[in-house]
Amino acid sequence: MNGRLADGRDRSAGESVSRPVRDQLFIPEDLIIATWRALAPTAAKRVEGTVRWAAPAVLSRGGPRIVTTVLVPRQVVGPGRFELPPEATRMMGDTLLEHGLVNVAQVHTHPDRLVGHSPWDDERAYSHRDGALSIVWPCYGEAVPRMDSWGVHTCTGGRWRRLTRAEVAAHVAIVPSVLDLRISVTMFSTPDEDDQRSGAGARGGSSHACS
């Protein structure tokens, strides 16, 4: 194993890591890129933006959850805040239901590297149920942020608090979208294929087209 944790910390640093929570959230790497692309229009205007992370409802009942979908709601945005109109919330709920998904986390951006929750963020968070997750990306999400630059917040008893760096690893894990163990592409070769190649070479080669 390499010497770094999922949030970018060095394993040799001696910092303790909390054990995974029961409803730990797993995020494929490709979904991080999809989130960054979804936030690109607001980043380009240097205003805050928000998306929701969704998972299949059948896989989100009392256990680890895997994010599959980035949902981008209609939103009113500005340099220091965002808000979802009531009709946007209704549309989002209808869309999730239509696709058999549930909202498992909120992601929004801040204008600088401060990724704490403001009172505005607390009041207008997508949920106030225990265990809800709200993730803040710095610098409007102009670049894909390392996980150790995120602000990860959870709700307990209706109040939001930011998780410590050790707690983040227990609540959120980024997993690879592709694990490619090839060094190179190795082809099988048979005597018949060798003969065919020799014949094709003698005839000046051949061409193949995909249909």
N, C-alpha and C. Protein backbone atom coordinates (compact mmCIF):
# COMPACT_ATOMS: atom_id res chain seq x y z
N MET A 1 0.85 -1.20 0.00
CA MET A 1 0.00 0.00 0.00
C MET A 1 0.87 1.24 0.00
N ASN A 2 0.38 2.30 -0.64
CA ASN A 2 1.20 3.51 -0.65
C ASN A 2 1.11 4.21 0.69
N GLY A 3 1.86 5.28 0.84
CA GLY A 3 1.98 5.93 2.13
C GLY A 3 0.98 7.01 2.39
N ARG A 4 -0.06 7.13 1.53
CA ARG A 4 -1.01 8.22 1.71
C ARG A 4 -2.41 7.68 1.93
N LEU A 5 -3.19 8.41 2.73
CA LEU A 5 -4.57 8.08 2.97
C LEU A 5 -5.44 8.72 1.90
N ALA A 6 -6.74 8.39 1.92
CA ALA A 6 -7.64 8.89 0.88
C ALA A 6 -7.73 10.40 0.86
N ASP A 7 -7.54 11.05 1.99
CA ASP A 7 -7.65 12.51 2.03
C ASP A 7 -6.32 13.21 1.81
N GLY A 8 -5.30 12.44 1.42
CA GLY A 8 -4.02 13.05 1.08
C GLY A 8 -3.02 13.06 2.21
N ARG A 9 -3.39 12.61 3.43
CA ARG A 9 -2.46 12.63 4.55
C ARG A 9 -1.44 11.51 4.44
N ASP A 10 -0.31 11.70 5.04
CA ASP A 10 0.76 10.72 5.05
C ASP A 10 0.53 9.73 6.19
N ARG A 11 0.54 8.41 5.86
CA ARG A 11 0.33 7.40 6.89
C ARG A 11 1.39 7.48 8.00
N SER A 12 2.58 7.96 7.64
CA SER A 12 3.67 7.99 8.61
C SER A 12 3.57 9.16 9.57
N ALA A 13 2.56 10.04 9.36
CA ALA A 13 2.45 11.24 10.18
C ALA A 13 2.00 10.92 11.60
N GLY A 14 1.44 9.72 11.81
CA GLY A 14 1.05 9.33 13.15
C GLY A 14 -0.32 9.83 13.58
N GLU A 15 -1.07 10.43 12.67
CA GLU A 15 -2.39 10.94 13.03
C GLU A 15 -3.38 9.78 13.08
N SER A 16 -4.20 9.73 14.13
CA SER A 16 -5.16 8.64 14.26
C SER A 16 -6.28 8.81 13.25
N VAL A 17 -6.85 7.67 12.84
CA VAL A 17 -7.94 7.66 11.89
C VAL A 17 -9.13 6.95 12.51
N SER A 18 -10.31 7.59 12.50
CA SER A 18 -11.50 7.00 13.08
C SER A 18 -11.93 5.78 12.28
N ARG A 19 -12.58 4.84 12.95
CA ARG A 19 -13.10 3.67 12.26
C ARG A 19 -14.28 4.08 11.39
N PRO A 20 -14.49 3.41 10.25
CA PRO A 20 -15.61 3.78 9.36
C PRO A 20 -16.94 3.74 10.09
N VAL A 21 -17.79 4.70 9.78
CA VAL A 21 -19.13 4.72 10.35
C VAL A 21 -20.02 3.77 9.56
N ARG A 22 -21.16 3.44 10.14
CA ARG A 22 -22.06 2.45 9.53
C ARG A 22 -22.55 2.89 8.16
N ASP A 23 -22.81 4.17 7.99
CA ASP A 23 -23.34 4.67 6.72
C ASP A 23 -22.28 5.44 5.93
N GLN A 24 -21.06 4.93 5.94
CA GLN A 24 -19.96 5.58 5.22
C GLN A 24 -20.32 5.78 3.75
N LEU A 25 -19.89 6.90 3.20
CA LEU A 25 -20.20 7.26 1.82
C LEU A 25 -18.99 6.97 0.93
N PHE A 26 -19.20 6.16 -0.11
CA PHE A 26 -18.15 5.83 -1.07
C PHE A 26 -18.39 6.61 -2.36
N ILE A 27 -17.33 7.27 -2.85
CA ILE A 27 -17.44 8.15 -4.01
C ILE A 27 -16.46 7.70 -5.08
N PRO A 28 -16.92 7.24 -6.23
CA PRO A 28 -16.00 6.90 -7.33
C PRO A 28 -15.25 8.14 -7.82
N GLU A 29 -14.00 7.93 -8.22
CA GLU A 29 -13.19 9.05 -8.72
C GLU A 29 -13.86 9.76 -9.89
N ASP A 30 -14.48 9.00 -10.80
CA ASP A 30 -15.13 9.62 -11.95
C ASP A 30 -16.25 10.56 -11.53
N LEU A 31 -16.89 10.27 -10.40
CA LEU A 31 -17.97 11.13 -9.95
C LEU A 31 -17.44 12.46 -9.43
N ILE A 32 -16.23 12.46 -8.89
CA ILE A 32 -15.60 13.72 -8.48
C ILE A 32 -15.39 14.61 -9.71
N ILE A 33 -14.93 14.01 -10.80
CA ILE A 33 -14.74 14.78 -12.04
C ILE A 33 -16.08 15.27 -12.57
N ALA A 34 -17.11 14.43 -12.51
CA ALA A 34 -18.44 14.84 -12.96
C ALA A 34 -18.97 16.00 -12.13
N THR A 35 -18.69 15.99 -10.84
CA THR A 35 -19.11 17.08 -9.96
C THR A 35 -18.40 18.38 -10.34
N TRP A 36 -17.10 18.28 -10.56
CA TRP A 36 -16.32 19.46 -10.96
C TRP A 36 -16.86 20.05 -12.27
N ARG A 37 -17.18 19.19 -13.22
CA ARG A 37 -17.73 19.68 -14.50
C ARG A 37 -19.11 20.31 -14.30
N ALA A 38 -19.92 19.73 -13.42
CA ALA A 38 -21.25 20.29 -13.18
C ALA A 38 -21.18 21.66 -12.53
N LEU A 39 -20.12 21.91 -11.75
CA LEU A 39 -19.95 23.20 -11.08
C LEU A 39 -19.18 24.21 -11.94
N ALA A 40 -18.71 23.79 -13.11
CA ALA A 40 -17.90 24.68 -13.95
C ALA A 40 -18.63 25.98 -14.35
N PRO A 41 -19.94 25.95 -14.70
CA PRO A 41 -20.60 27.20 -15.08
C PRO A 41 -20.60 28.26 -13.98
N THR A 42 -20.81 27.85 -12.71
CA THR A 42 -20.78 28.84 -11.64
C THR A 42 -19.35 29.23 -11.30
N ALA A 43 -18.41 28.29 -11.41
CA ALA A 43 -17.00 28.63 -11.17
C ALA A 43 -16.52 29.67 -12.17
N ALA A 44 -16.95 29.53 -13.42
CA ALA A 44 -16.53 30.47 -14.46
C ALA A 44 -17.03 31.89 -14.18
N LYS A 45 -18.18 32.00 -13.52
CA LYS A 45 -18.74 33.31 -13.17
C LYS A 45 -18.27 33.78 -11.79
N ARG A 46 -17.47 32.93 -11.12
CA ARG A 46 -16.95 33.22 -9.78
C ARG A 46 -18.09 33.50 -8.80
N VAL A 47 -19.03 32.57 -8.79
CA VAL A 47 -20.12 32.59 -7.83
C VAL A 47 -20.24 31.19 -7.23
N GLU A 48 -20.90 31.12 -6.08
CA GLU A 48 -21.11 29.82 -5.47
C GLU A 48 -22.07 28.98 -6.30
N GLY A 49 -21.94 27.68 -6.20
CA GLY A 49 -22.85 26.76 -6.86
C GLY A 49 -23.03 25.53 -6.01
N THR A 50 -24.05 24.75 -6.32
CA THR A 50 -24.32 23.55 -5.53
C THR A 50 -24.80 22.42 -6.40
N VAL A 51 -24.50 21.20 -5.99
CA VAL A 51 -25.05 19.99 -6.58
C VAL A 51 -25.43 19.06 -5.44
N ARG A 52 -26.16 18.01 -5.78
CA ARG A 52 -26.49 16.96 -4.83
C ARG A 52 -25.88 15.65 -5.32
N TRP A 53 -25.45 14.82 -4.37
CA TRP A 53 -25.00 13.48 -4.69
C TRP A 53 -26.11 12.51 -4.34
N ALA A 54 -26.40 11.61 -5.28
CA ALA A 54 -27.51 10.68 -5.10
C ALA A 54 -27.02 9.24 -5.24
N ALA A 55 -27.77 8.34 -4.63
CA ALA A 55 -27.47 6.91 -4.68
C ALA A 55 -28.77 6.15 -4.89
N PRO A 56 -28.70 4.92 -5.41
CA PRO A 56 -29.92 4.13 -5.55
C PRO A 56 -30.60 3.92 -4.20
N ALA A 57 -31.91 4.14 -4.17
CA ALA A 57 -32.65 4.04 -2.92
C ALA A 57 -32.51 2.66 -2.29
N VAL A 58 -32.48 1.62 -3.12
CA VAL A 58 -32.43 0.25 -2.58
C VAL A 58 -31.09 -0.06 -1.92
N LEU A 59 -30.07 0.75 -2.22
CA LEU A 59 -28.74 0.51 -1.64
C LEU A 59 -28.42 1.52 -0.53
N SER A 60 -29.40 2.25 -0.07
CA SER A 60 -29.12 3.35 0.86
C SER A 60 -29.92 3.23 2.14
N ARG A 61 -30.20 2.01 2.55
CA ARG A 61 -31.04 1.82 3.73
C ARG A 61 -30.23 1.20 4.85
N GLY A 62 -29.64 2.05 5.66
CA GLY A 62 -28.99 1.59 6.86
C GLY A 62 -27.66 0.90 6.68
N GLY A 63 -26.85 1.37 5.75
CA GLY A 63 -25.53 0.78 5.57
C GLY A 63 -24.67 1.68 4.70
N PRO A 64 -23.50 1.20 4.31
CA PRO A 64 -22.64 2.00 3.42
C PRO A 64 -23.39 2.38 2.14
N ARG A 65 -23.07 3.58 1.64
CA ARG A 65 -23.75 4.10 0.45
C ARG A 65 -22.72 4.41 -0.63
N ILE A 66 -23.10 4.16 -1.87
CA ILE A 66 -22.22 4.43 -3.00
C ILE A 66 -22.87 5.49 -3.88
N VAL A 67 -22.21 6.62 -4.06
CA VAL A 67 -22.76 7.69 -4.88
C VAL A 67 -22.66 7.30 -6.35
N THR A 68 -23.77 7.43 -7.07
CA THR A 68 -23.79 7.07 -8.49
C THR A 68 -24.09 8.25 -9.41
N THR A 69 -24.68 9.32 -8.84
CA THR A 69 -25.27 10.35 -9.70
C THR A 69 -25.05 11.74 -9.12
N VAL A 70 -24.71 12.68 -9.99
CA VAL A 70 -24.64 14.09 -9.64
C VAL A 70 -25.93 14.76 -10.14
N LEU A 71 -26.67 15.35 -9.24
CA LEU A 71 -27.90 16.05 -9.59
C LEU A 71 -27.67 17.54 -9.44
N VAL A 72 -27.93 18.28 -10.50
CA VAL A 72 -27.71 19.73 -10.50
C VAL A 72 -29.07 20.42 -10.47
N PRO A 73 -29.48 20.96 -9.34
CA PRO A 73 -30.80 21.60 -9.26
C PRO A 73 -30.77 23.02 -9.81
N ARG A 74 -31.95 23.53 -10.15
CA ARG A 74 -32.07 24.96 -10.44
C ARG A 74 -31.71 25.72 -9.19
N GLN A 75 -31.00 26.83 -9.36
CA GLN A 75 -30.49 27.55 -8.18
C GLN A 75 -30.29 29.02 -8.51
N VAL A 76 -30.39 29.84 -7.47
CA VAL A 76 -30.07 31.26 -7.57
C VAL A 76 -28.74 31.44 -6.85
N VAL A 77 -27.76 32.06 -7.53
CA VAL A 77 -26.40 32.06 -7.01
C VAL A 77 -25.83 33.48 -6.97
N GLY A 78 -24.79 33.62 -6.16
CA GLY A 78 -24.06 34.88 -6.06
C GLY A 78 -22.66 34.61 -5.55
N PRO A 79 -21.84 35.65 -5.42
CA PRO A 79 -20.45 35.45 -4.99
C PRO A 79 -20.31 34.83 -3.60
N GLY A 80 -21.32 35.01 -2.73
CA GLY A 80 -21.17 34.51 -1.37
C GLY A 80 -22.30 33.64 -0.88
N ARG A 81 -23.22 33.23 -1.76
CA ARG A 81 -24.32 32.40 -1.30
C ARG A 81 -25.04 31.77 -2.50
N PHE A 82 -25.88 30.79 -2.19
CA PHE A 82 -26.74 30.18 -3.19
C PHE A 82 -28.06 29.83 -2.51
N GLU A 83 -29.09 29.63 -3.31
CA GLU A 83 -30.38 29.26 -2.75
C GLU A 83 -31.17 28.50 -3.80
N LEU A 84 -31.96 27.53 -3.37
CA LEU A 84 -32.83 26.78 -4.25
C LEU A 84 -34.26 27.29 -4.08
N PRO A 85 -34.89 27.78 -5.15
CA PRO A 85 -36.29 28.17 -5.05
C PRO A 85 -37.16 26.95 -4.71
N PRO A 86 -38.33 27.16 -4.11
CA PRO A 86 -39.19 26.02 -3.73
C PRO A 86 -39.50 25.10 -4.90
N GLU A 87 -39.74 25.67 -6.08
CA GLU A 87 -40.07 24.81 -7.23
C GLU A 87 -38.89 23.95 -7.65
N ALA A 88 -37.67 24.45 -7.40
CA ALA A 88 -36.49 23.67 -7.73
C ALA A 88 -36.37 22.46 -6.80
N THR A 89 -36.71 22.65 -5.54
CA THR A 89 -36.67 21.54 -4.59
C THR A 89 -37.71 20.48 -4.96
N ARG A 90 -38.90 20.92 -5.36
CA ARG A 90 -39.94 19.97 -5.77
C ARG A 90 -39.49 19.20 -7.01
N MET A 91 -38.92 19.90 -7.98
CA MET A 91 -38.45 19.25 -9.20
C MET A 91 -37.36 18.23 -8.89
N MET A 92 -36.48 18.57 -7.98
CA MET A 92 -35.40 17.67 -7.60
C MET A 92 -35.97 16.41 -6.96
N GLY A 93 -36.94 16.58 -6.06
CA GLY A 93 -37.56 15.41 -5.43
C GLY A 93 -38.26 14.51 -6.43
N ASP A 94 -38.98 15.10 -7.37
CA ASP A 94 -39.67 14.32 -8.39
C ASP A 94 -38.67 13.56 -9.27
N THR A 95 -37.56 14.21 -9.61
CA THR A 95 -36.56 13.58 -10.47
C THR A 95 -35.88 12.41 -9.76
N LEU A 96 -35.55 12.60 -8.50
CA LEU A 96 -34.95 11.50 -7.73
C LEU A 96 -35.90 10.32 -7.66
N LEU A 97 -37.17 10.58 -7.38
CA LEU A 97 -38.15 9.51 -7.28
C LEU A 97 -38.31 8.78 -8.61
N GLU A 98 -38.33 9.54 -9.70
CA GLU A 98 -38.48 8.95 -11.03
C GLU A 98 -37.36 7.95 -11.34
N HIS A 99 -36.16 8.24 -10.87
CA HIS A 99 -35.00 7.40 -11.18
C HIS A 99 -34.63 6.44 -10.05
N GLY A 100 -35.45 6.37 -9.02
CA GLY A 100 -35.19 5.45 -7.93
C GLY A 100 -33.96 5.81 -7.11
N LEU A 101 -33.71 7.11 -6.97
CA LEU A 101 -32.53 7.59 -6.26
C LEU A 101 -32.93 8.33 -4.99
N VAL A 102 -31.97 8.46 -4.08
CA VAL A 102 -32.16 9.30 -2.90
C VAL A 102 -30.95 10.21 -2.75
N ASN A 103 -31.20 11.36 -2.18
CA ASN A 103 -30.14 12.35 -1.95
C ASN A 103 -29.33 11.91 -0.73
N VAL A 104 -28.01 11.79 -0.89
CA VAL A 104 -27.17 11.34 0.23
C VAL A 104 -26.17 12.38 0.69
N ALA A 105 -25.98 13.45 -0.07
CA ALA A 105 -25.04 14.50 0.36
C ALA A 105 -25.26 15.74 -0.49
N GLN A 106 -24.85 16.86 0.07
CA GLN A 106 -24.86 18.14 -0.63
C GLN A 106 -23.42 18.59 -0.83
N VAL A 107 -23.13 19.14 -2.00
CA VAL A 107 -21.83 19.75 -2.26
C VAL A 107 -22.07 21.18 -2.71
N HIS A 108 -21.37 22.12 -2.11
CA HIS A 108 -21.42 23.49 -2.63
C HIS A 108 -20.05 24.13 -2.51
N THR A 109 -19.87 25.24 -3.19
CA THR A 109 -18.57 25.88 -3.28
C THR A 109 -18.54 27.18 -2.48
N HIS A 110 -17.33 27.55 -2.07
CA HIS A 110 -17.07 28.82 -1.39
C HIS A 110 -16.05 29.62 -2.21
N PRO A 111 -16.02 30.94 -2.02
CA PRO A 111 -15.16 31.77 -2.85
C PRO A 111 -13.68 31.70 -2.50
N ASP A 112 -13.32 31.17 -1.35
CA ASP A 112 -11.92 31.15 -0.94
C ASP A 112 -11.59 29.78 -0.38
N ARG A 113 -10.54 29.70 0.41
CA ARG A 113 -10.14 28.40 0.96
C ARG A 113 -10.78 28.10 2.31
N LEU A 114 -11.65 28.98 2.78
CA LEU A 114 -12.37 28.73 4.03
C LEU A 114 -13.60 27.89 3.71
N VAL A 115 -13.65 26.68 4.25
CA VAL A 115 -14.70 25.75 3.86
C VAL A 115 -15.58 25.35 5.06
N GLY A 116 -15.69 26.26 6.02
CA GLY A 116 -16.62 26.04 7.12
C GLY A 116 -18.04 26.36 6.70
N HIS A 117 -19.00 25.97 7.52
CA HIS A 117 -20.41 26.29 7.29
C HIS A 117 -20.71 27.66 7.88
N SER A 118 -21.31 28.51 7.09
CA SER A 118 -21.80 29.80 7.60
C SER A 118 -23.19 29.59 8.18
N PRO A 119 -23.72 30.55 8.96
CA PRO A 119 -25.11 30.45 9.42
C PRO A 119 -26.10 30.27 8.27
N TRP A 120 -25.81 30.92 7.14
CA TRP A 120 -26.64 30.76 5.93
C TRP A 120 -26.62 29.30 5.48
N ASP A 121 -25.42 28.70 5.47
CA ASP A 121 -25.30 27.29 5.06
C ASP A 121 -26.06 26.38 6.02
N ASP A 122 -25.95 26.65 7.33
CA ASP A 122 -26.65 25.83 8.32
C ASP A 122 -28.16 25.87 8.09
N GLU A 123 -28.66 27.07 7.89
CA GLU A 123 -30.11 27.25 7.79
C GLU A 123 -30.68 26.64 6.52
N ARG A 124 -29.93 26.73 5.42
CA ARG A 124 -30.45 26.31 4.12
C ARG A 124 -29.87 24.98 3.63
N ALA A 125 -29.28 24.22 4.52
CA ALA A 125 -28.76 22.91 4.13
C ALA A 125 -29.90 22.02 3.63
N TYR A 126 -29.55 21.07 2.79
CA TYR A 126 -30.55 20.23 2.13
C TYR A 126 -31.32 19.36 3.12
N SER A 127 -30.74 19.09 4.30
CA SER A 127 -31.37 18.21 5.27
C SER A 127 -30.87 18.58 6.67
N HIS A 128 -31.68 18.25 7.67
CA HIS A 128 -31.26 18.42 9.06
C HIS A 128 -31.44 17.12 9.84
N ARG A 129 -31.48 16.02 9.11
CA ARG A 129 -31.56 14.72 9.78
C ARG A 129 -30.17 14.34 10.30
N ASP A 130 -30.14 13.51 11.32
CA ASP A 130 -28.87 13.05 11.86
C ASP A 130 -28.10 12.26 10.80
N GLY A 131 -26.82 12.58 10.67
CA GLY A 131 -25.97 11.88 9.72
C GLY A 131 -25.91 12.51 8.34
N ALA A 132 -26.72 13.54 8.09
CA ALA A 132 -26.66 14.21 6.78
C ALA A 132 -25.26 14.79 6.57
N LEU A 133 -24.80 14.79 5.31
CA LEU A 133 -23.46 15.27 4.98
C LEU A 133 -23.54 16.48 4.06
N SER A 134 -22.78 17.49 4.38
CA SER A 134 -22.65 18.68 3.54
C SER A 134 -21.16 18.92 3.30
N ILE A 135 -20.78 18.97 2.04
CA ILE A 135 -19.37 19.10 1.66
C ILE A 135 -19.16 20.45 0.98
N VAL A 136 -18.13 21.15 1.40
CA VAL A 136 -17.82 22.46 0.84
C VAL A 136 -16.49 22.37 0.09
N TRP A 137 -16.51 22.80 -1.17
CA TRP A 137 -15.29 22.86 -1.98
C TRP A 137 -14.77 24.30 -2.02
N PRO A 138 -13.45 24.49 -1.96
CA PRO A 138 -12.90 25.85 -1.95
C PRO A 138 -12.79 26.45 -3.34
N CYS A 139 -12.57 27.76 -3.37
CA CYS A 139 -12.20 28.50 -4.60
C CYS A 139 -13.19 28.26 -5.73
N TYR A 140 -14.48 28.22 -5.38
CA TYR A 140 -15.57 28.03 -6.34
C TYR A 140 -15.48 26.73 -7.12
N GLY A 141 -14.60 25.82 -6.74
CA GLY A 141 -14.44 24.58 -7.50
C GLY A 141 -13.81 24.80 -8.86
N GLU A 142 -12.97 25.84 -8.96
CA GLU A 142 -12.35 26.13 -10.26
C GLU A 142 -11.43 25.01 -10.70
N ALA A 143 -10.79 24.35 -9.76
CA ALA A 143 -9.98 23.16 -10.04
C ALA A 143 -10.53 22.02 -9.18
N VAL A 144 -10.23 20.79 -9.58
CA VAL A 144 -10.67 19.65 -8.79
C VAL A 144 -9.91 19.67 -7.46
N PRO A 145 -10.59 19.86 -6.33
CA PRO A 145 -9.87 20.01 -5.07
C PRO A 145 -9.48 18.67 -4.46
N ARG A 146 -8.30 18.61 -3.86
CA ARG A 146 -7.91 17.43 -3.10
C ARG A 146 -8.87 17.25 -1.92
N MET A 147 -9.06 16.02 -1.55
CA MET A 147 -10.02 15.74 -0.48
C MET A 147 -9.62 16.42 0.83
N ASP A 148 -8.31 16.58 1.06
CA ASP A 148 -7.91 17.22 2.31
C ASP A 148 -8.16 18.72 2.33
N SER A 149 -8.67 19.28 1.21
CA SER A 149 -9.05 20.69 1.20
C SER A 149 -10.56 20.87 1.35
N TRP A 150 -11.32 19.78 1.37
CA TRP A 150 -12.77 19.87 1.52
C TRP A 150 -13.13 20.22 2.97
N GLY A 151 -14.26 20.88 3.12
CA GLY A 151 -14.89 20.96 4.43
C GLY A 151 -16.03 19.97 4.45
N VAL A 152 -15.95 18.97 5.32
CA VAL A 152 -16.98 17.94 5.41
C VAL A 152 -17.73 18.13 6.72
N HIS A 153 -19.04 18.31 6.62
CA HIS A 153 -19.87 18.65 7.77
C HIS A 153 -20.97 17.61 7.94
N THR A 154 -21.30 17.31 9.17
CA THR A 154 -22.39 16.38 9.46
C THR A 154 -23.37 17.03 10.42
N CYS A 155 -24.60 16.56 10.35
CA CYS A 155 -25.65 17.11 11.19
C CYS A 155 -25.98 16.13 12.31
N THR A 156 -26.02 16.64 13.54
CA THR A 156 -26.39 15.83 14.70
C THR A 156 -27.31 16.65 15.58
N GLY A 157 -28.48 16.11 15.85
CA GLY A 157 -29.43 16.84 16.69
C GLY A 157 -29.85 18.17 16.09
N GLY A 158 -29.88 18.24 14.77
CA GLY A 158 -30.29 19.46 14.08
C GLY A 158 -29.21 20.52 13.98
N ARG A 159 -28.01 20.21 14.44
CA ARG A 159 -26.91 21.17 14.40
C ARG A 159 -25.78 20.62 13.53
N TRP A 160 -25.18 21.51 12.74
CA TRP A 160 -24.09 21.12 11.85
C TRP A 160 -22.75 21.35 12.53
N ARG A 161 -21.82 20.42 12.30
CA ARG A 161 -20.45 20.62 12.77
C ARG A 161 -19.50 20.06 11.71
N ARG A 162 -18.33 20.67 11.65
CA ARG A 162 -17.31 20.21 10.71
C ARG A 162 -16.56 19.02 11.29
N LEU A 163 -16.37 18.00 10.48
CA LEU A 163 -15.63 16.83 10.92
C LEU A 163 -14.14 17.13 10.98
N THR A 164 -13.48 16.50 11.92
CA THR A 164 -12.02 16.60 11.98
C THR A 164 -11.43 15.81 10.82
N ARG A 165 -10.15 16.03 10.56
CA ARG A 165 -9.50 15.31 9.46
C ARG A 165 -9.55 13.80 9.68
N ALA A 166 -9.42 13.37 10.93
CA ALA A 166 -9.49 11.93 11.20
C ALA A 166 -10.89 11.40 10.97
N GLU A 167 -11.92 12.20 11.32
CA GLU A 167 -13.30 11.76 11.15
C GLU A 167 -13.71 11.69 9.68
N VAL A 168 -13.14 12.56 8.86
CA VAL A 168 -13.50 12.56 7.44
C VAL A 168 -13.27 11.19 6.82
N ALA A 169 -12.14 10.58 7.12
CA ALA A 169 -11.82 9.27 6.54
C ALA A 169 -12.81 8.20 6.97
N ALA A 170 -13.46 8.40 8.11
CA ALA A 170 -14.45 7.43 8.58
C ALA A 170 -15.80 7.62 7.91
N HIS A 171 -16.08 8.83 7.44
CA HIS A 171 -17.37 9.13 6.85
C HIS A 171 -17.38 9.07 5.33
N VAL A 172 -16.24 9.39 4.70
CA VAL A 172 -16.20 9.53 3.24
C VAL A 172 -14.96 8.82 2.71
N ALA A 173 -15.12 8.06 1.64
CA ALA A 173 -13.99 7.39 1.01
C ALA A 173 -14.10 7.53 -0.51
N ILE A 174 -13.02 7.95 -1.14
CA ILE A 174 -12.96 7.99 -2.60
C ILE A 174 -12.39 6.67 -3.09
N VAL A 175 -13.08 6.04 -4.04
CA VAL A 175 -12.63 4.75 -4.55
C VAL A 175 -12.32 4.88 -6.04
N PRO A 176 -11.37 4.10 -6.56
CA PRO A 176 -11.03 4.19 -7.98
C PRO A 176 -12.21 3.79 -8.85
N SER A 177 -12.35 4.46 -9.98
CA SER A 177 -13.34 4.07 -10.97
C SER A 177 -12.82 2.97 -11.89
N VAL A 178 -11.52 2.95 -12.10
CA VAL A 178 -10.88 1.93 -12.94
C VAL A 178 -9.60 1.48 -12.24
N LEU A 179 -9.38 0.16 -12.22
CA LEU A 179 -8.12 -0.40 -11.73
C LEU A 179 -7.52 -1.18 -12.89
N ASP A 180 -6.55 -0.60 -13.55
CA ASP A 180 -5.94 -1.21 -14.74
C ASP A 180 -4.57 -1.75 -14.35
N LEU A 181 -4.44 -3.07 -14.32
CA LEU A 181 -3.20 -3.71 -13.90
C LEU A 181 -2.34 -4.16 -15.07
N ARG A 182 -2.73 -3.75 -16.28
CA ARG A 182 -1.92 -4.11 -17.45
C ARG A 182 -0.64 -3.30 -17.50
N ILE A 183 0.44 -3.96 -17.88
CA ILE A 183 1.66 -3.25 -18.21
C ILE A 183 1.64 -2.91 -19.70
N SER A 184 1.17 -3.84 -20.48
CA SER A 184 0.97 -3.63 -21.91
C SER A 184 -0.10 -4.59 -22.37
N VAL A 185 -0.56 -4.44 -23.60
CA VAL A 185 -1.57 -5.33 -24.16
C VAL A 185 -0.85 -6.50 -24.82
N THR A 186 -1.08 -7.69 -24.31
CA THR A 186 -0.43 -8.89 -24.82
C THR A 186 -1.45 -9.73 -25.58
N MET A 187 -1.13 -10.06 -26.82
CA MET A 187 -2.04 -10.81 -27.68
C MET A 187 -1.63 -12.27 -27.75
N PHE A 188 -2.65 -13.16 -27.82
CA PHE A 188 -2.37 -14.55 -28.09
C PHE A 188 -1.93 -14.71 -29.54
N SER A 189 -1.12 -15.70 -29.77
CA SER A 189 -0.69 -16.00 -31.14
C SER A 189 -0.82 -17.50 -31.36
N THR A 190 -1.44 -17.91 -32.47
CA THR A 190 -1.59 -19.31 -32.81
C THR A 190 -0.86 -19.60 -34.11
N PRO A 191 -0.53 -20.88 -34.38
CA PRO A 191 0.13 -21.21 -35.67
C PRO A 191 -0.66 -20.74 -36.87
N ASP A 192 -2.00 -20.88 -36.82
CA ASP A 192 -2.81 -20.44 -37.96
C ASP A 192 -2.70 -18.94 -38.17
N GLU A 193 -2.73 -18.19 -37.06
CA GLU A 193 -2.61 -16.74 -37.19
C GLU A 193 -1.24 -16.35 -37.73
N ASP A 194 -0.20 -17.07 -37.29
CA ASP A 194 1.14 -16.78 -37.81
C ASP A 194 1.19 -17.02 -39.30
N ASP A 195 0.56 -18.14 -39.75
CA ASP A 195 0.54 -18.42 -41.20
C ASP A 195 -0.23 -17.35 -41.96
N GLN A 196 -1.35 -16.91 -41.38
CA GLN A 196 -2.15 -15.87 -42.04
C GLN A 196 -1.37 -14.57 -42.16
N ARG A 197 -0.63 -14.21 -41.07
CA ARG A 197 0.16 -12.99 -41.13
C ARG A 197 1.25 -13.10 -42.19
N SER A 198 1.86 -14.28 -42.26
CA SER A 198 2.91 -14.47 -43.27
C SER A 198 2.34 -14.33 -44.67
N GLY A 199 1.15 -14.92 -44.89
CA GLY A 199 0.52 -14.81 -46.20
C GLY A 199 0.11 -13.40 -46.53
N ALA A 200 -0.39 -12.69 -45.53
CA ALA A 200 -0.82 -11.30 -45.77
C ALA A 200 0.38 -10.46 -46.09
N GLY A 201 1.52 -10.74 -45.42
CA GLY A 201 2.72 -9.97 -45.72
C GLY A 201 3.20 -10.21 -47.12
N ALA A 202 3.08 -11.47 -47.59
CA ALA A 202 3.52 -11.78 -48.95
C ALA A 202 2.63 -11.10 -49.98
N ARG A 203 1.34 -10.91 -49.62
CA ARG A 203 0.39 -10.26 -50.57
C ARG A 203 0.42 -8.75 -50.44
N GLY A 204 1.25 -8.24 -49.53
CA GLY A 204 1.32 -6.77 -49.39
C GLY A 204 0.46 -6.25 -48.30
N GLY A 205 -0.05 -7.15 -47.40
CA GLY A 205 -0.82 -6.68 -46.24
C GLY A 205 -2.30 -6.67 -46.49
N SER A 206 -3.06 -6.44 -45.45
CA SER A 206 -4.52 -6.39 -45.55
C SER A 206 -5.05 -5.30 -44.66
N SER A 207 -6.30 -4.94 -44.84
CA SER A 207 -6.92 -3.91 -44.03
C SER A 207 -8.23 -4.44 -43.47
N HIS A 208 -8.60 -3.94 -42.28
CA HIS A 208 -9.83 -4.32 -41.63
C HIS A 208 -10.56 -3.05 -41.21
N ALA A 209 -11.88 -3.08 -41.34
CA ALA A 209 -12.67 -1.91 -40.95
C ALA A 209 -13.74 -2.34 -39.96
N CYS A 210 -14.04 -1.48 -38.98
CA CYS A 210 -15.13 -1.73 -38.05
C CYS A 210 -16.42 -1.25 -38.68
N SER A 211 -17.48 -2.01 -38.50
CA SER A 211 -18.78 -1.58 -39.05
C SER A 211 -19.70 -1.16 -37.93
